[in-house]
């Protein structure tokens, strides 16, 4: 298994606040070497975010790397849910351009040493 994305996982309708690549839930199950039922549970438990695109639930590909989920993603998703964000709003927040963060989006910053800053900003949304 490779970490490169198949061509069909690139979202042609990706907007400025959408990730460039998507994975279906079965793709994530394969990448993480877990049963699909565990992926559904992870989405329910806000360990992963899944939104419908073209009628299929998809997960941003850059949030699932090296056979793991980004370390601070579950905490950020729970903070956003506590602040009243649904999955679509959380996705927009994660991919909203922010020049003050490395990678220029909160989602990209989760892969850097600024992950705690992303969590702090998500926590501040609840106040």
Protein backbone atom coordinates (compact mmCIF):
# COMPACT_ATOMS: atom_id res chain seq x y z
CA UNK A 1 0.00 0.00 0.00
CA UNK A 2 1.32 3.46 -0.86
CA UNK A 3 0.55 6.81 0.70
CA UNK A 4 -0.03 8.45 -2.67
CA UNK A 5 -3.60 9.39 -3.44
CA UNK A 6 -5.46 7.81 -6.33
CA UNK A 7 -6.43 10.32 -9.00
CA UNK A 8 -10.15 9.91 -8.28
CA UNK A 9 -9.68 11.10 -4.70
CA UNK A 10 -8.88 14.64 -5.85
CA UNK A 11 -12.02 16.72 -5.54
CA UNK A 12 -12.56 18.63 -8.78
CA UNK A 13 -15.05 20.96 -7.08
CA UNK A 14 -12.71 21.77 -4.18
CA UNK A 15 -13.20 25.35 -3.07
CA UNK A 16 -10.87 27.65 -1.18
CA UNK A 17 -11.92 26.08 2.12
CA UNK A 18 -11.90 22.45 1.00
CA UNK A 19 -9.00 20.01 1.18
CA UNK A 20 -7.36 19.09 -2.11
CA UNK A 21 -7.76 15.33 -1.63
CA UNK A 22 -10.41 13.07 -0.18
CA UNK A 23 -10.62 9.47 0.96
CA UNK A 24 -13.74 7.37 1.22
CA UNK A 25 -14.35 5.56 4.49
CA UNK A 26 -13.26 2.20 3.01
CA UNK A 27 -10.05 3.88 1.79
CA UNK A 28 -9.39 5.14 5.33
CA UNK A 29 -10.07 1.70 6.77
CA UNK A 30 -7.50 0.23 4.40
CA UNK A 31 -4.95 2.96 5.11
CA UNK A 32 -5.30 2.54 8.88
CA UNK A 33 -5.60 -1.23 8.62
CA UNK A 34 -8.86 -1.20 10.59
CA UNK A 35 -12.31 -2.66 9.96
CA UNK A 36 -14.79 -0.24 8.37
CA UNK A 37 -16.95 -0.46 11.51
CA UNK A 38 -14.08 1.07 13.51
CA UNK A 39 -13.87 3.97 11.04
CA UNK A 40 -17.60 4.61 11.45
CA UNK A 41 -17.10 4.58 15.23
CA UNK A 42 -14.17 7.01 14.94
CA UNK A 43 -16.38 9.41 12.95
CA UNK A 44 -19.17 9.11 15.56
CA UNK A 45 -16.65 9.72 18.36
CA UNK A 46 -15.24 12.77 16.55
CA UNK A 47 -11.82 11.21 16.09
CA UNK A 48 -12.26 11.79 12.35
CA UNK A 49 -14.40 14.17 10.33
CA UNK A 50 -16.46 12.91 7.41
CA UNK A 51 -18.66 15.00 5.12
CA UNK A 52 -20.75 14.11 2.08
CA UNK A 53 -19.29 14.96 -1.30
CA UNK A 54 -21.03 13.68 -4.43
CA UNK A 55 -23.33 11.64 -2.16
CA UNK A 56 -20.44 9.74 -0.53
CA UNK A 57 -19.03 10.31 2.95
CA UNK A 58 -15.42 11.38 2.59
CA UNK A 59 -12.55 12.28 4.90
CA UNK A 60 -9.85 14.84 4.03
CA UNK A 61 -6.83 12.80 2.97
CA UNK A 62 -4.28 14.98 4.72
CA UNK A 63 -5.84 14.22 8.12
CA UNK A 64 -4.99 10.52 7.75
CA UNK A 65 -1.25 10.08 7.30
CA UNK A 66 1.31 7.36 7.88
CA UNK A 67 -1.35 4.90 9.03
CA UNK A 68 -2.57 7.26 11.78
CA UNK A 69 -4.94 10.16 12.32
CA UNK A 70 -3.36 13.56 13.00
CA UNK A 71 -2.51 13.53 16.68
CA UNK A 72 -4.49 16.58 17.84
CA UNK A 73 -7.42 16.21 15.42
CA UNK A 74 -9.84 14.47 17.84
CA UNK A 75 -9.31 17.18 20.46
CA UNK A 76 -9.86 19.97 17.93
CA UNK A 77 -12.99 18.29 16.55
CA UNK A 78 -14.45 17.95 20.04
CA UNK A 79 -13.66 21.59 20.84
CA UNK A 80 -15.34 22.71 17.62
CA UNK A 81 -18.40 20.54 18.39
CA UNK A 82 -18.57 22.04 21.88
CA UNK A 83 -18.54 25.50 20.24
CA UNK A 84 -21.59 24.49 18.17
CA UNK A 85 -19.86 23.64 14.89
CA UNK A 86 -21.40 20.86 12.79
CA UNK A 87 -19.18 18.74 10.52
CA UNK A 88 -19.44 21.10 7.52
CA UNK A 89 -18.65 24.16 9.66
CA UNK A 90 -15.74 22.34 11.33
CA UNK A 91 -14.38 21.40 7.91
CA UNK A 92 -14.62 25.03 6.76
CA UNK A 93 -12.81 26.17 9.93
CA UNK A 94 -10.05 23.59 9.49
CA UNK A 95 -9.40 24.65 5.89
CA UNK A 96 -9.97 28.40 6.19
CA UNK A 97 -6.79 30.20 5.06
CA UNK A 98 -4.87 31.75 7.96
CA UNK A 99 -1.51 33.35 7.17
CA UNK A 100 -0.52 33.32 10.85
CA UNK A 101 -0.27 29.51 10.86
CA UNK A 102 2.35 27.30 9.23
CA UNK A 103 0.80 25.67 6.19
CA UNK A 104 -1.72 28.50 6.16
CA UNK A 105 -4.70 26.51 7.47
CA UNK A 106 -5.49 25.01 10.89
CA UNK A 107 -5.58 21.54 9.27
CA UNK A 108 -2.05 21.94 7.91
CA UNK A 109 -0.82 23.39 11.20
CA UNK A 110 -1.94 20.22 13.00
CA UNK A 111 1.05 18.54 11.35
CA UNK A 112 3.48 21.11 12.78
CA UNK A 113 4.63 22.35 16.15
CA UNK A 114 1.67 24.77 16.07
CA UNK A 115 -0.92 22.06 16.77
CA UNK A 116 -1.42 23.32 20.31
CA UNK A 117 -2.05 26.81 18.94
CA UNK A 118 -4.78 25.36 16.70
CA UNK A 119 -6.34 23.70 19.76
CA UNK A 120 -6.14 26.98 21.69
CA UNK A 121 -7.92 28.83 18.87
CA UNK A 122 -10.61 26.14 18.64
CA UNK A 123 -11.12 26.34 22.41
CA UNK A 124 -11.50 30.14 22.23
CA UNK A 125 -14.43 29.72 19.81
CA UNK A 126 -16.53 28.38 22.69
CA UNK A 127 -16.36 31.69 24.55
